[in-house]
Protein backbone atom coordinates (compact mmCIF):
# COMPACT_ATOMS: atom_id res chain seq x y z
CA MET A 1 -18.95 -19.79 13.94
CA THR A 2 -16.67 -23.40 13.65
CA MET A 3 -13.00 -21.75 13.98
CA GLY A 4 -10.05 -23.49 12.35
CA THR A 5 -6.87 -24.16 14.41
CA ASN A 6 -4.23 -21.32 15.03
CA THR A 7 -2.02 -24.05 14.21
CA ASP A 8 -3.28 -24.85 10.94
CA PHE A 9 -3.56 -21.26 9.86
CA ALA A 10 -0.53 -20.40 10.78
CA VAL A 11 1.21 -23.41 8.78
CA SER A 12 -0.96 -22.19 5.85
CA VAL A 13 -0.09 -18.37 5.64
CA THR A 14 3.29 -19.17 6.43
CA GLU A 15 4.00 -21.39 3.36
CA LEU A 16 2.47 -19.07 1.14
CA LEU A 17 4.51 -16.17 2.36
CA GLN A 18 7.54 -18.28 1.85
CA THR A 19 6.86 -19.19 -1.09
CA LEU A 20 5.61 -15.62 -2.66
CA SER A 21 9.10 -14.86 -1.41
CA THR A 22 10.91 -16.74 -4.23
CA PHE A 23 9.24 -14.13 -6.93
CA GLY A 24 11.64 -11.08 -6.57
CA ALA A 25 14.02 -12.64 -3.88
CA GLU A 26 17.11 -10.68 -3.18
CA GLN A 27 20.36 -11.84 -1.75
CA ASP A 28 19.82 -9.39 1.38
CA GLY A 29 16.69 -11.52 2.07
CA GLY A 30 14.48 -8.94 0.44
CA VAL A 31 11.82 -9.26 -1.84
CA THR A 32 11.53 -6.70 -5.19
CA ARG A 33 8.65 -7.43 -6.62
CA LEU A 34 7.73 -4.01 -9.16
CA LEU A 35 4.61 -3.54 -10.88
CA TYR A 36 4.31 -5.62 -14.03
CA SER A 37 8.06 -7.09 -13.43
CA LYS A 38 8.47 -10.86 -14.10
CA PRO A 39 8.64 -11.64 -10.75
CA TRP A 40 5.17 -9.49 -10.39
CA SER A 41 3.95 -12.20 -13.09
CA GLU A 42 4.84 -15.27 -11.51
CA ALA A 43 3.60 -13.99 -8.00
CA GLN A 44 0.33 -13.11 -9.59
CA THR A 45 0.23 -16.56 -11.75
CA TYR A 46 0.99 -18.68 -8.42
CA LEU A 47 -1.63 -16.98 -6.77
CA SER A 48 -4.19 -17.90 -9.33
CA GLU A 49 -3.02 -21.05 -8.82
CA LYS A 50 -3.85 -21.61 -5.23
CA MET A 51 -7.38 -19.73 -5.94
CA LYS A 52 -7.78 -22.31 -8.40
CA GLU A 53 -6.83 -25.40 -5.63
CA ALA A 54 -9.15 -23.54 -3.18
CA GLY A 55 -12.30 -23.89 -5.36
CA LEU A 56 -12.65 -20.15 -6.27
CA GLU A 57 -13.57 -18.83 -9.96
CA VAL A 58 -10.20 -16.92 -10.97
CA ARG A 59 -10.17 -13.61 -13.08
CA CYS A 60 -8.01 -10.85 -13.41
CA ASP A 61 -8.74 -7.53 -14.33
CA LYS A 62 -7.83 -4.53 -17.41
CA VAL A 63 -5.07 -3.57 -15.03
CA GLY A 64 -3.80 -6.80 -13.65
CA ASN A 65 -5.91 -7.19 -10.45
CA LEU A 66 -6.27 -10.69 -9.50
CA PHE A 67 -9.62 -12.15 -8.32
CA GLY A 68 -10.87 -15.39 -6.70
CA ARG A 69 -14.34 -15.14 -6.18
CA LEU A 70 -16.86 -17.74 -4.02
CA PRO A 71 -19.99 -17.18 -6.07
CA GLY A 72 -23.24 -16.43 -3.41
CA ARG A 73 -25.65 -19.14 -2.92
CA LYS A 74 -28.51 -16.38 -2.15
CA THR A 75 -30.38 -13.83 -4.24
CA GLU A 76 -28.29 -11.07 -2.55
CA THR A 77 -25.77 -9.46 -4.16
CA GLY A 78 -22.76 -6.80 -3.21
CA VAL A 79 -19.63 -8.22 -3.20
CA ILE A 80 -17.75 -8.82 0.10
CA LEU A 81 -13.99 -7.91 -0.71
CA THR A 82 -11.05 -8.83 1.04
CA GLY A 83 -7.07 -8.97 0.49
CA SER A 84 -4.49 -6.61 -0.22
CA HIS A 85 -1.49 -5.68 -2.65
CA ILE A 86 1.47 -7.96 -4.10
CA ASP A 87 3.81 -5.80 -5.02
CA THR A 88 6.81 -4.66 -2.65
CA VAL A 89 9.29 -1.60 -2.21
CA ARG A 90 12.61 -2.67 -3.53
CA SER A 91 14.18 -4.94 -1.18
CA GLY A 92 11.02 -4.78 0.79
CA GLY A 93 9.96 -7.91 3.46
CA ILE A 94 8.19 -10.57 3.14
CA TYR A 95 4.74 -9.47 4.82
CA ASP A 96 3.91 -5.94 3.33
CA GLY A 97 0.83 -6.31 1.39
CA ALA A 98 1.36 -10.32 1.00
CA TYR A 99 0.49 -11.37 4.14
CA GLY A 100 -3.47 -9.70 3.63
CA ILE A 101 -3.61 -11.89 0.46
CA ALA A 102 -2.52 -14.84 2.28
CA ALA A 103 -4.71 -14.47 4.94
CA ALA A 104 -7.60 -13.76 2.85
CA LEU A 105 -7.16 -16.85 0.74
CA THR A 106 -6.66 -18.82 4.08
CA ALA A 107 -9.78 -17.23 6.10
CA VAL A 108 -11.99 -17.74 2.64
CA ARG A 109 -10.92 -21.53 1.62
CA HIS A 110 -11.41 -22.38 5.14
CA LEU A 111 -15.26 -20.81 5.25
CA LYS A 112 -15.53 -22.76 1.73
CA ASP A 113 -14.52 -25.77 3.20
CA THR A 114 -16.86 -26.03 6.57
CA TYR A 115 -20.01 -23.91 5.32
CA GLY A 116 -20.19 -24.09 1.76
CA PRO A 117 -21.06 -20.81 -0.33
CA PRO A 118 -22.07 -17.71 1.28
CA ARG A 119 -25.08 -15.77 1.41
CA ARG A 120 -23.23 -12.80 -0.84
CA PRO A 121 -20.30 -12.97 -3.00
CA LEU A 122 -16.97 -13.47 -1.06
CA GLU A 123 -13.79 -12.37 -3.22
CA VAL A 124 -9.95 -12.58 -2.49
CA VAL A 125 -8.26 -10.01 -4.27
CA SER A 126 -4.66 -9.20 -5.11
CA PHE A 127 -4.25 -5.90 -6.15
CA CYS A 128 -1.48 -5.01 -8.76
CA GLU A 129 0.07 -1.84 -7.28
CA GLU A 130 0.19 -0.04 -4.22
CA GLU A 131 3.44 0.67 -3.32
CA GLY A 132 4.07 3.46 -5.99
CA SER A 133 7.75 1.68 -6.16
CA ARG A 134 8.33 1.43 -9.88
CA PHE A 135 5.75 4.31 -11.06
CA PRO A 136 5.48 7.68 -9.58
CA LEU A 137 1.69 6.97 -8.15
CA ALA A 138 0.15 4.89 -5.96
CA TYR A 139 -2.59 2.37 -5.40
CA TRP A 140 -2.97 1.97 -9.06
CA GLY A 141 -4.60 -1.36 -8.49
CA SER A 142 -7.15 -0.45 -5.80
CA GLY A 143 -7.80 3.45 -7.48
CA SER A 144 -8.57 1.75 -10.39
CA ILE A 145 -11.39 -0.58 -9.33
CA THR A 146 -12.99 2.40 -6.83
CA GLY A 147 -13.08 4.63 -10.30
CA ALA A 148 -9.59 7.09 -8.90
CA TYR A 149 -7.90 6.06 -11.80
CA ALA A 150 -9.00 5.99 -15.78
CA ALA A 151 -7.34 4.22 -18.18
CA GLU A 152 -5.87 7.04 -20.11
CA ASP A 153 -4.01 7.66 -16.84
CA ALA A 154 -2.10 4.61 -17.64
CA ASP A 155 -0.23 7.33 -21.08
CA GLY A 156 1.46 9.95 -19.67
CA ILE A 157 3.32 8.48 -16.26
CA ARG A 158 6.89 6.70 -16.42
CA ASP A 159 9.70 4.99 -14.51
CA ALA A 160 13.14 5.87 -14.13
CA GLN A 161 13.79 3.98 -17.44
CA GLY A 162 11.22 6.20 -19.35
CA VAL A 163 8.66 3.30 -19.82
CA THR A 164 5.48 4.42 -19.61
CA LEU A 165 2.86 2.63 -17.23
CA ARG A 166 0.57 1.48 -20.31
CA GLU A 167 3.90 0.08 -22.25
CA ALA A 168 4.33 -1.91 -18.85
CA MET A 169 0.98 -3.12 -18.57
CA GLU A 170 0.26 -4.08 -22.04
CA ALA A 171 4.20 -6.02 -21.82
CA ALA A 172 2.54 -7.89 -18.86
CA GLY A 173 -0.83 -8.92 -20.80
CA PHE A 174 -2.81 -6.17 -19.68
CA GLY A 175 -4.57 -3.30 -20.77
CA ARG A 176 -6.50 -5.28 -23.70
CA PRO A 177 -9.92 -4.27 -24.80
CA ASP A 178 -11.17 -8.27 -24.28
CA GLN A 179 -10.19 -7.81 -20.61
CA PRO A 180 -12.72 -6.87 -17.87
CA ASP A 181 -13.13 -2.85 -16.70
CA SER A 182 -10.87 -2.90 -13.59
CA LYS A 183 -14.06 -0.28 -11.48
CA ARG A 184 -16.61 -2.04 -9.55
CA THR A 185 -20.07 -1.23 -8.65
CA ASP A 186 -21.16 -4.04 -7.02
CA LEU A 187 -18.87 -3.78 -3.67
CA SER A 188 -20.67 -3.94 -0.37
CA ALA A 189 -17.79 -4.12 1.96
CA PHE A 190 -13.96 -3.75 1.84
CA VAL A 191 -11.70 -6.09 4.72
CA GLU A 192 -8.05 -5.63 4.98
CA ALA A 193 -5.91 -7.51 6.84
CA HIS A 194 -2.00 -6.13 7.11
CA ILE A 195 1.42 -5.54 9.48
CA GLU A 196 1.19 -2.85 11.62
CA GLN A 197 4.56 -1.89 10.58
CA GLY A 198 4.99 0.15 13.76
CA VAL A 199 5.90 -0.76 17.06
CA MET A 200 2.61 -0.43 18.49
CA LEU A 201 1.18 -3.63 18.89
CA GLU A 202 4.43 -5.53 20.52
CA ARG A 203 4.90 -2.63 22.51
CA THR A 204 1.52 -2.96 24.28
CA GLY A 205 1.18 -6.69 23.91
CA ASP A 206 -2.17 -6.70 22.02
CA LYS A 207 -2.61 -9.04 19.34
CA ILE A 208 -4.89 -6.80 16.97
CA GLY A 209 -4.93 -3.37 15.93
CA ILE A 210 -8.61 -2.03 14.96
CA VAL A 211 -7.63 1.00 12.72
CA GLU A 212 -10.08 3.93 13.04
CA THR A 213 -8.20 6.03 10.22
CA ILE A 214 -5.49 6.24 7.86
CA ALA A 215 -3.46 9.42 7.39
CA GLY A 216 -3.32 11.93 4.96
CA GLN A 217 -0.64 11.75 2.73
CA ARG A 218 0.67 13.98 0.17
CA ARG A 219 3.41 12.78 -1.97
CA TYR A 220 5.75 15.55 -4.37
CA VAL A 221 8.13 14.88 -6.79
CA VAL A 222 10.74 18.13 -6.71
CA THR A 223 12.66 19.32 -9.81
CA LEU A 224 15.53 21.91 -9.40
CA THR A 225 17.80 23.12 -12.34
CA GLY A 226 20.63 25.16 -11.77
CA GLU A 227 23.86 25.01 -14.00
CA THR A 228 25.86 22.00 -14.59
CA ASN A 229 30.01 23.42 -14.29
CA HIS A 230 33.11 22.36 -13.09
CA ALA A 231 33.79 21.82 -9.32
CA GLY A 232 37.14 23.32 -9.29
CA THR A 233 36.89 26.37 -11.27
CA THR A 234 33.41 27.69 -10.90
CA PRO A 235 33.63 30.45 -7.39
CA MET A 236 31.29 29.29 -4.55
CA PRO A 237 28.83 33.00 -5.50
CA MET A 238 28.80 32.33 -9.24
CA ARG A 239 27.03 29.08 -8.64
CA LYS A 240 23.56 27.97 -9.65
CA ASP A 241 24.16 24.34 -7.44
CA ALA A 242 20.94 22.40 -7.60
CA MET A 243 22.21 20.05 -4.91
CA SER A 244 22.74 22.57 -2.25
CA GLY A 245 19.34 23.74 -3.22
CA ALA A 246 18.58 20.51 -2.63
CA ALA A 247 20.07 20.16 0.96
CA GLU A 248 18.92 23.54 1.78
CA MET A 249 15.30 22.22 1.44
CA ILE A 250 15.58 18.81 2.93
CA MET A 251 16.94 20.37 6.42
CA MET A 252 13.87 22.56 6.34
CA LEU A 253 12.01 19.98 5.86
CA GLU A 254 13.19 18.29 8.67
CA ARG A 255 13.01 20.87 11.28
CA ALA A 256 9.74 22.14 10.41
CA ALA A 257 8.36 18.65 10.55
CA LEU A 258 10.18 18.33 13.87
CA LYS A 259 8.54 21.70 14.86
CA ALA A 260 5.53 20.77 14.07
CA GLY A 261 5.37 17.51 16.27
CA ASP A 262 3.36 14.38 16.27
CA PRO A 263 1.83 12.66 13.86
CA LEU A 264 3.23 14.81 11.36
CA VAL A 265 5.66 13.31 9.40
CA ALA A 266 7.82 14.04 6.51
CA THR A 267 10.09 12.51 4.56
CA VAL A 268 12.94 12.82 1.28
CA GLY A 269 13.10 9.20 0.32
CA ARG A 270 14.72 9.78 -3.33
CA LEU A 271 17.32 12.12 -4.71
CA ARG A 272 18.68 11.49 -8.12
CA PRO A 273 21.23 14.73 -8.93
CA VAL A 274 22.44 14.91 -12.46
CA PRO A 275 25.49 14.45 -13.44
CA ASN A 276 26.03 12.52 -10.33
CA ILE A 277 30.09 13.06 -11.04
CA PRO A 278 32.08 13.67 -8.27
CA ASN A 279 34.13 16.91 -9.74
CA VAL A 280 31.62 18.47 -11.91
CA ILE A 281 28.62 20.41 -9.97
CA ALA A 282 24.77 19.40 -9.87
CA GLY A 283 23.00 20.87 -12.69
CA LEU A 284 19.62 18.93 -12.09
CA VAL A 285 18.51 17.46 -9.11
CA THR A 286 15.25 15.17 -8.55
CA PHE A 287 13.89 14.53 -5.07
CA THR A 288 10.57 13.21 -3.45
CA VAL A 289 8.46 14.40 -0.64
CA ASP A 290 5.96 12.37 1.60
CA ILE A 291 4.19 14.56 4.40
CA ARG A 292 1.64 12.74 6.32
CA HIS A 293 -0.83 13.76 8.93
CA THR A 294 -4.35 12.73 10.46
CA SER A 295 -5.95 16.12 10.16
CA GLU A 296 -6.68 17.06 6.64
CA THR A 297 -6.59 21.05 7.84
CA LEU A 298 -2.72 20.71 9.15
CA LEU A 299 -1.64 18.78 6.94
CA THR A 300 -2.62 21.30 4.14
CA GLY A 301 -1.23 24.16 5.91
CA PHE A 302 2.19 22.58 6.61
CA THR A 303 1.98 21.74 3.23
CA ASP A 304 1.64 24.85 1.69
CA ALA A 305 4.18 26.41 3.87
CA VAL A 306 6.95 24.04 3.26
CA LEU A 307 6.00 24.18 -0.78
CA CYS A 308 6.21 27.81 -0.47
CA THR A 309 9.48 27.80 1.29
CA PHE A 310 10.86 25.67 -1.33
CA GLN A 311 10.23 28.10 -3.76
CA SER A 312 11.89 30.85 -2.15
CA ILE A 313 15.11 29.11 -1.59
CA ALA A 314 14.96 28.46 -5.08
CA LYS A 315 14.40 32.16 -6.43
CA ARG A 316 16.99 33.11 -3.75
CA ARG A 317 19.48 30.66 -5.33
CA GLY A 318 19.11 31.03 -8.94
CA LEU A 319 17.39 27.87 -9.83
CA THR A 320 14.25 26.73 -11.43
CA ILE A 321 12.14 25.03 -9.44
CA ASP A 322 9.03 22.46 -10.68
CA ILE A 323 7.00 20.67 -8.14
CA ARG A 324 4.81 17.80 -9.12
CA THR A 325 1.88 16.22 -7.36
CA ALA A 326 2.47 12.66 -6.98
CA LEU A 327 -0.16 11.70 -4.37
CA GLN A 328 -3.19 13.68 -2.36
CA ALA A 329 -4.82 11.06 -0.03
CA ARG A 330 -7.11 13.00 2.82
CA PRO A 331 -7.11 10.88 6.17
CA THR A 332 -9.75 8.22 6.30
CA PRO A 333 -11.86 6.78 8.58
CA MET A 334 -12.85 3.53 8.69
CA ASP A 335 -16.66 2.38 9.08
CA THR A 336 -17.67 2.81 12.48
CA VAL A 337 -20.03 -0.33 12.31
CA LEU A 338 -17.44 -2.66 10.99
CA THR A 339 -14.61 -1.13 13.64
CA GLY A 340 -17.34 -2.16 15.88
CA ARG A 341 -17.83 -5.50 14.98
CA LEU A 342 -14.08 -6.07 15.03
CA GLU A 343 -13.88 -4.82 18.40
CA ARG A 344 -17.07 -7.26 19.35
CA ILE A 345 -14.93 -10.33 17.62
CA CYS A 346 -12.05 -10.05 19.52
CA THR A 347 -13.82 -9.20 23.01
CA ASP A 348 -15.69 -12.94 22.32
CA ARG A 349 -12.56 -14.33 21.81
CA ASN A 350 -10.56 -13.36 24.52
CA VAL A 351 -8.04 -11.36 21.76
CA PRO A 352 -5.90 -8.38 23.01
CA TYR A 353 -7.10 -5.43 20.80
CA ARG A 354 -6.49 -1.92 20.50
CA ARG A 355 -7.84 0.44 18.49
CA MET A 356 -5.50 3.09 16.86
CA MET A 357 -4.80 4.71 13.93
CA SER A 358 -2.31 4.13 10.51
CA GLY A 359 0.57 6.55 10.00
CA ALA A 360 0.85 4.31 6.58
CA GLY A 361 -1.29 4.56 3.77
CA HIS A 362 -3.26 1.40 2.38
CA ASP A 363 -5.24 0.31 -0.35
CA GLY A 364 -8.52 -0.02 2.26
CA GLN A 365 -8.58 3.98 2.15
CA MET A 366 -9.22 3.75 -1.32
CA PHE A 367 -12.66 1.82 -0.97
CA VAL A 368 -14.01 4.39 1.67
CA PRO A 369 -15.87 6.27 -0.47
CA ILE A 370 -17.42 3.59 -2.51
CA CYS A 371 -18.19 0.66 0.23
CA SER A 372 -17.95 -0.26 3.96
CA THR A 373 -14.21 -0.46 4.73
CA ALA A 374 -12.50 -1.95 7.89
CA MET A 375 -8.50 -2.50 8.31
CA LEU A 376 -7.43 -4.83 10.97
CA PHE A 377 -3.56 -5.23 11.83
CA VAL A 378 -1.04 -7.82 13.49
CA PRO A 379 2.38 -7.31 15.27
CA SER A 380 5.58 -6.21 13.48
CA ARG A 381 8.47 -7.08 15.40
CA ASP A 382 10.68 -3.79 16.75
CA GLY A 383 8.35 -2.07 13.94
CA VAL A 384 10.34 -3.03 11.33
CA SER A 385 8.83 -2.44 7.45
CA HIS A 386 9.89 -1.91 4.21
CA SER A 387 13.22 -4.04 4.60
CA PRO A 388 14.23 -7.82 4.93
CA ASP A 389 14.38 -7.99 8.24
CA GLU A 390 10.65 -7.27 8.53
CA TYR A 391 9.16 -10.27 10.88
CA THR A 392 5.83 -11.30 12.49
CA ALA A 393 5.62 -14.38 14.45
CA PRO A 394 3.40 -17.43 12.92
CA GLU A 395 1.14 -17.66 15.89
CA ASP A 396 0.33 -13.56 15.16
CA LEU A 397 -0.12 -14.22 11.42
CA ALA A 398 -2.74 -16.81 12.93
CA VAL A 399 -4.65 -14.74 15.28
CA GLY A 400 -5.48 -12.06 12.28
CA VAL A 401 -6.51 -14.90 9.87
CA SER A 402 -9.20 -16.25 12.98
CA VAL A 403 -10.05 -12.69 13.29
CA LEU A 404 -10.56 -11.68 9.89
CA MET A 405 -12.48 -14.63 9.10
CA GLU A 406 -15.06 -14.25 11.44
CA MET A 407 -15.80 -11.10 10.11
CA LEU A 408 -15.96 -12.38 6.85
CA TYR A 409 -18.59 -14.72 8.02
CA GLU A 410 -20.21 -12.44 9.90
CA LEU A 411 -20.43 -10.41 6.51
CA ALA A 412 -20.99 -13.22 3.74
CA TYR A 413 -22.70 -15.54 5.39
CA GLU A 414 -25.23 -14.09 8.07
CA GLU A 415 -28.40 -12.55 7.37
CA GLN A 416 -28.20 -8.81 7.40
CA MET A 417 -24.99 -6.92 6.56
CA PRO A 418 -24.55 -3.77 9.45
């Protein structure tokens, strides 16, 4: 196939990313683009216009996923889907998620301009949500497409301000009966390009990471209830201090994770005490727990032991504990045929690569049960992500576009699927 120049790809992707970074820009250089917020809507509108400029047929589904379609010219069905998510964490970087969309749009536009219509339909997607930053769930976009979530799931989930997912969705113009259902049954393959969010590629000098497995994740929201009381007049033995209980649990989690060793990781990312006043004992504390491992057996065993210990700590301290599951994602292997194709593409083009696992979760894992799925990584400087300091060099972004484009050409333009 005829390849575009990496310089052209670097310019195209960088311009897209820089413009997207203006939607939700923070003073610290980061980007906050939460699901169904004004910056989120502005970013999706911008991408919609760019898809139209590229000659794609544009539509949104009921939850706000955005698609740009290049129809197929033959009778073959089975859509080849590529893209990533448009939402960010709070004050995140400009590459996470957005790169996969920019790379997909750049690749598909070049394929269309060079080869015309494909044999099979080719679509670029900007998933409405992946991060779980506004609401206590993740993969709302891809999960709605793959059937992991149903419409009624939007009713019982609230953000920190008490707004339900359905209320936010309808306020942003989605969730209407006349809009297309999100669940898809016409997909043959999904390919996602993403920044690594780790240091492996940078340290080894490889330009492409071919993901073999995405680690499993368990996320929980733990709520401890004790007694709010005066900090100066309540004797220490008589306290039911929810904050102290949370502190003991958090330290126990860290010790257990260190003992378990790599590749297990465990994180408490959010802590909310009530009333959060210096001279008042916290009577209520909520915190999140994120645990990941590539083995389902070891992940389950570790998680069960930790939650059991949480219960024991709460009982000993006279606290009431509530543990709500926010996410259960099994370790997910990518399609071996597609990963083999990525490896051959890199070898044929002398692109240094390595097969690797992903410790971070991605939309790609949601598609494994319904279609062939592959993921490729490009390097991240110093492994930094979910931060304003997130950075990938333009030339590395361009290599990712080239490899993605050749994979899409093989899947959408050639005679046979794998």
